[in-house]
Structure formats: structure tokens, C-alpha cells
């Protein structure tokens, strides 16, 4: 996807229809991408795994439907549609879909602090 302008609003419709759960697959689609944030939609079939990783950005994850095992710093949480997860920058995490699932995540650029004398 091309960059999304920070100064212009955008409406993206029918994302789930364009992002079906595919057998034995994890699929993603970048919806918004600009200098402030990146928003990505995921579909995951049951049994699909995103192995442990981290992001230098703060992350908000919204579980839209389905059921997932979401591991944060070694602790496993069972999450389902309507649940929200906040991940601090550099937090190790992993995801496993227990049933066909959708989630969205937003990665936020951290503000830089300016030194004052």
C-alpha cells in the first residue's frame, strides 16, 4: 500500500470481505501507513502462529473475532472478539489462532523528546 497522508482522512470499507480466512494461512493487509502510525488487519486460520517477536513501536491489538492465544513476556492469555492488548515498545509477544480469527493492530511512532537546557 502506498503511504497514507497524515493530513487527509480516508475510509476503507469491506476489509474483512477482501481479507478472508484462508485455510492454513495468515494473511495481512496494511490499511493506513504514515509517519505517525501503521494500521494492519490480519486473518488467521486455526492453528496458525506468529512466532515470538517485538516491535520498536507501541502497539494496540484489537481482537475482532475468533479466539487466540496471545503470549506477552512468556505469559499466555486467551483472547477473543472484543479484547484489546497494549504492547509497550520492544515487548516480546507471539500469537496462535485457536479458531479462525481476525485482528487489527496499530503501531504508533513514539514522540521524540527534545532536550532542554
C-alpha atoms as a PDB file:
ATOM      1  CA  UNK A   1       0.000   0.000   0.000  1.00  0.00           C
ATOM      2  CA  UNK A   2       1.186   3.488  -0.750  1.00  0.00           C
ATOM      3  CA  UNK A   3       1.671   5.892   2.159  1.00  0.00           C
ATOM      4  CA  UNK A   4      -1.476   7.409   3.651  1.00  0.00           C
ATOM      5  CA  UNK A   5      -1.422  11.167   4.021  1.00  0.00           C
ATOM      6  CA  UNK A   6      -1.421  12.317   7.644  1.00  0.00           C
ATOM      7  CA  UNK A   7      -3.435  15.404   6.653  1.00  0.00           C
ATOM      8  CA  UNK A   8      -6.234  13.606   4.772  1.00  0.00           C
ATOM      9  CA  UNK A   9      -8.932  11.339   6.185  1.00  0.00           C
ATOM     10  CA  UNK A  10      -9.619   8.015   4.496  1.00  0.00           C
ATOM     11  CA  UNK A  11     -12.409   5.444   4.713  1.00  0.00           C
ATOM     12  CA  UNK A  12     -11.540   1.856   3.817  1.00  0.00           C
ATOM     13  CA  UNK A  13     -14.630  -0.335   3.503  1.00  0.00           C
ATOM     14  CA  UNK A  14     -15.188  -4.089   3.170  1.00  0.00           C
ATOM     15  CA  UNK A  15     -11.777  -5.004   4.569  1.00  0.00           C
ATOM     16  CA  UNK A  16     -12.929  -8.333   6.019  1.00  0.00           C
ATOM     17  CA  UNK A  17     -14.597  -9.282   2.745  1.00  0.00           C
ATOM     18  CA  UNK A  18     -11.290  -8.583   0.988  1.00  0.00           C
ATOM     19  CA  UNK A  19      -9.319 -10.467   3.643  1.00  0.00           C
ATOM     20  CA  UNK A  20     -10.953 -13.881   4.011  1.00  0.00           C
ATOM     21  CA  UNK A  21      -9.573 -16.505   6.365  1.00  0.00           C
ATOM     22  CA  UNK A  22      -7.628 -18.807   4.040  1.00  0.00           C
ATOM     23  CA  UNK A  23      -7.110 -22.450   5.032  1.00  0.00           C
ATOM     24  CA  UNK A  24      -3.740 -22.958   6.749  1.00  0.00           C
ATOM     25  CA  UNK A  25      -2.756 -19.303   6.230  1.00  0.00           C
ATOM     26  CA  UNK A  26      -2.168 -15.976   7.903  1.00  0.00           C
ATOM     27  CA  UNK A  27      -2.955 -13.002   5.698  1.00  0.00           C
ATOM     28  CA  UNK A  28      -2.486  -9.304   6.373  1.00  0.00           C
ATOM     29  CA  UNK A  29      -3.376  -6.028   4.751  1.00  0.00           C
ATOM     30  CA  UNK A  30      -1.928  -2.601   5.564  1.00  0.00           C
ATOM     31  CA  UNK A  31      -4.837  -0.160   5.817  1.00  0.00           C
ATOM     32  CA  UNK A  32      -3.104   3.057   6.933  1.00  0.00           C
ATOM     33  CA  UNK A  33       0.596   3.848   6.783  1.00  0.00           C
ATOM     34  CA  UNK A  34       2.038   7.273   7.527  1.00  0.00           C
ATOM     35  CA  UNK A  35       4.739   8.909   9.632  1.00  0.00           C
ATOM     36  CA  UNK A  36       2.565   8.676  12.783  1.00  0.00           C
ATOM     37  CA  UNK A  37       1.103   5.168  12.608  1.00  0.00           C
ATOM     38  CA  UNK A  38       0.643   1.954  10.680  1.00  0.00           C
ATOM     39  CA  UNK A  39      -2.642   0.030  10.895  1.00  0.00           C
ATOM     40  CA  UNK A  40      -2.748  -3.600   9.734  1.00  0.00           C
ATOM     41  CA  UNK A  41      -5.607  -6.118   9.521  1.00  0.00           C
ATOM     42  CA  UNK A  42      -4.911  -9.852   9.899  1.00  0.00           C
ATOM     43  CA  UNK A  43      -6.887 -13.017   9.186  1.00  0.00           C
ATOM     44  CA  UNK A  44      -5.564 -16.258  10.671  1.00  0.00           C
ATOM     45  CA  UNK A  45      -6.841 -19.782  10.249  1.00  0.00           C
ATOM     46  CA  UNK A  46      -6.974 -22.067  13.290  1.00  0.00           C
ATOM     47  CA  UNK A  47      -3.529 -23.356  14.185  1.00  0.00           C
ATOM     48  CA  UNK A  48      -1.644 -20.500  12.536  1.00  0.00           C
ATOM     49  CA  UNK A  49       1.161 -18.947  14.591  1.00  0.00           C
ATOM     50  CA  UNK A  50       3.063 -15.691  14.589  1.00  0.00           C
ATOM     51  CA  UNK A  51       6.272 -16.668  16.384  1.00  0.00           C
ATOM     52  CA  UNK A  52       7.704 -14.552  19.168  1.00  0.00           C
ATOM     53  CA  UNK A  53       8.842 -11.130  18.022  1.00  0.00           C
ATOM     54  CA  UNK A  54       8.796  -7.488  19.110  1.00  0.00           C
ATOM     55  CA  UNK A  55       8.323  -4.021  17.667  1.00  0.00           C
ATOM     56  CA  UNK A  56      10.222  -0.869  18.490  1.00  0.00           C
ATOM     57  CA  UNK A  57       6.847   0.914  18.356  1.00  0.00           C
ATOM     58  CA  UNK A  58       3.996   0.885  20.869  1.00  0.00           C
ATOM     59  CA  UNK A  59       1.236  -1.442  19.602  1.00  0.00           C
ATOM     60  CA  UNK A  60      -2.513  -1.712  20.165  1.00  0.00           C
ATOM     61  CA  UNK A  61      -4.071  -5.038  19.115  1.00  0.00           C
ATOM     62  CA  UNK A  62      -7.849  -5.439  18.726  1.00  0.00           C
ATOM     63  CA  UNK A  63      -9.206  -8.969  18.509  1.00  0.00           C
ATOM     64  CA  UNK A  64     -12.153  -8.642  16.133  1.00  0.00           C
ATOM     65  CA  UNK A  65     -13.411 -12.230  16.073  1.00  0.00           C
ATOM     66  CA  UNK A  66     -12.336 -15.740  16.843  1.00  0.00           C
ATOM     67  CA  UNK A  67     -10.171 -16.995  19.684  1.00  0.00           C
ATOM     68  CA  UNK A  68      -6.405 -16.659  20.067  1.00  0.00           C
ATOM     69  CA  UNK A  69      -3.606 -17.443  22.478  1.00  0.00           C
ATOM     70  CA  UNK A  70      -1.646 -14.216  22.871  1.00  0.00           C
ATOM     71  CA  UNK A  71       1.666 -14.576  24.699  1.00  0.00           C
ATOM     72  CA  UNK A  72       3.176 -11.451  26.258  1.00  0.00           C
ATOM     73  CA  UNK A  73       6.548 -11.752  28.018  1.00  0.00           C
ATOM     74  CA  UNK A  74       6.068 -15.507  28.388  1.00  0.00           C
ATOM     75  CA  UNK A  75       2.559 -15.283  29.868  1.00  0.00           C
ATOM     76  CA  UNK A  76      -0.216 -16.826  27.742  1.00  0.00           C
ATOM     77  CA  UNK A  77      -3.581 -15.042  27.556  1.00  0.00           C
ATOM     78  CA  UNK A  78      -6.691 -16.462  25.872  1.00  0.00           C
ATOM     79  CA  UNK A  79      -8.348 -13.608  23.964  1.00  0.00           C
ATOM     80  CA  UNK A  80     -11.430 -13.359  21.760  1.00  0.00           C
ATOM     81  CA  UNK A  81     -13.508 -10.840  19.831  1.00  0.00           C
ATOM     82  CA  UNK A  82     -13.714  -7.509  21.646  1.00  0.00           C
ATOM     83  CA  UNK A  83     -10.497  -7.921  23.642  1.00  0.00           C
ATOM     84  CA  UNK A  84      -7.704  -5.330  23.410  1.00  0.00           C
ATOM     85  CA  UNK A  85      -3.987  -5.700  24.085  1.00  0.00           C
ATOM     86  CA  UNK A  86      -1.449  -2.911  24.571  1.00  0.00           C
ATOM     87  CA  UNK A  87       2.176  -3.804  23.914  1.00  0.00           C
ATOM     88  CA  UNK A  88       4.895  -1.481  25.159  1.00  0.00           C
ATOM     89  CA  UNK A  89       7.759  -0.852  22.734  1.00  0.00           C
ATOM     90  CA  UNK A  90      10.116  -3.843  22.446  1.00  0.00           C
ATOM     91  CA  UNK A  91       7.726  -6.187  24.336  1.00  0.00           C
ATOM     92  CA  UNK A  92       8.214  -9.802  23.197  1.00  0.00           C
ATOM     93  CA  UNK A  93       4.961 -11.430  22.069  1.00  0.00           C
ATOM     94  CA  UNK A  94       3.538 -14.294  19.990  1.00  0.00           C
ATOM     95  CA  UNK A  95       0.100 -15.213  18.654  1.00  0.00           C
ATOM     96  CA  UNK A  96      -1.642 -18.507  17.899  1.00  0.00           C
ATOM     97  CA  UNK A  97      -5.138 -18.718  16.411  1.00  0.00           C
ATOM     98  CA  UNK A  98      -7.229 -21.309  18.278  1.00  0.00           C
ATOM     99  CA  UNK A  99     -10.055 -20.852  15.744  1.00  0.00           C
ATOM    100  CA  UNK A 100     -10.361 -18.810  12.535  1.00  0.00           C
ATOM    101  CA  UNK A 101      -9.754 -15.240  13.695  1.00  0.00           C
ATOM    102  CA  UNK A 102      -9.435 -11.599  12.719  1.00  0.00           C
ATOM    103  CA  UNK A 103      -7.363  -8.986  14.499  1.00  0.00           C
ATOM    104  CA  UNK A 104      -6.187  -5.486  13.779  1.00  0.00           C
ATOM    105  CA  UNK A 105      -3.109  -3.792  15.087  1.00  0.00           C
ATOM    106  CA  UNK A 106      -1.910  -0.231  15.183  1.00  0.00           C
ATOM    107  CA  UNK A 107       1.776   0.569  15.528  1.00  0.00           C
ATOM    108  CA  UNK A 108       2.389   4.077  16.830  1.00  0.00           C
ATOM    109  CA  UNK A 109       5.551   6.104  16.353  1.00  0.00           C
ATOM    110  CA  UNK A 110       6.890   7.279  19.688  1.00  0.00           C
ATOM    111  CA  UNK A 111       7.323  11.022  20.048  1.00  0.00           C
ATOM    112  CA  UNK A 112      10.905  12.120  20.336  1.00  0.00           C
ATOM    113  CA  UNK A 113      11.682  14.110  23.422  1.00  0.00           C
ATOM    114  CA  UNK A 114      13.683  17.256  22.924  1.00  0.00           C
ATOM    115  CA  UNK A 115      16.367  18.084  25.426  1.00  0.00           C
ATOM    116  CA  UNK A 116      16.049  21.375  27.190  1.00  0.00           C
ATOM    117  CA  UNK A 117      18.966  23.183  28.731  1.00  0.00           C
END
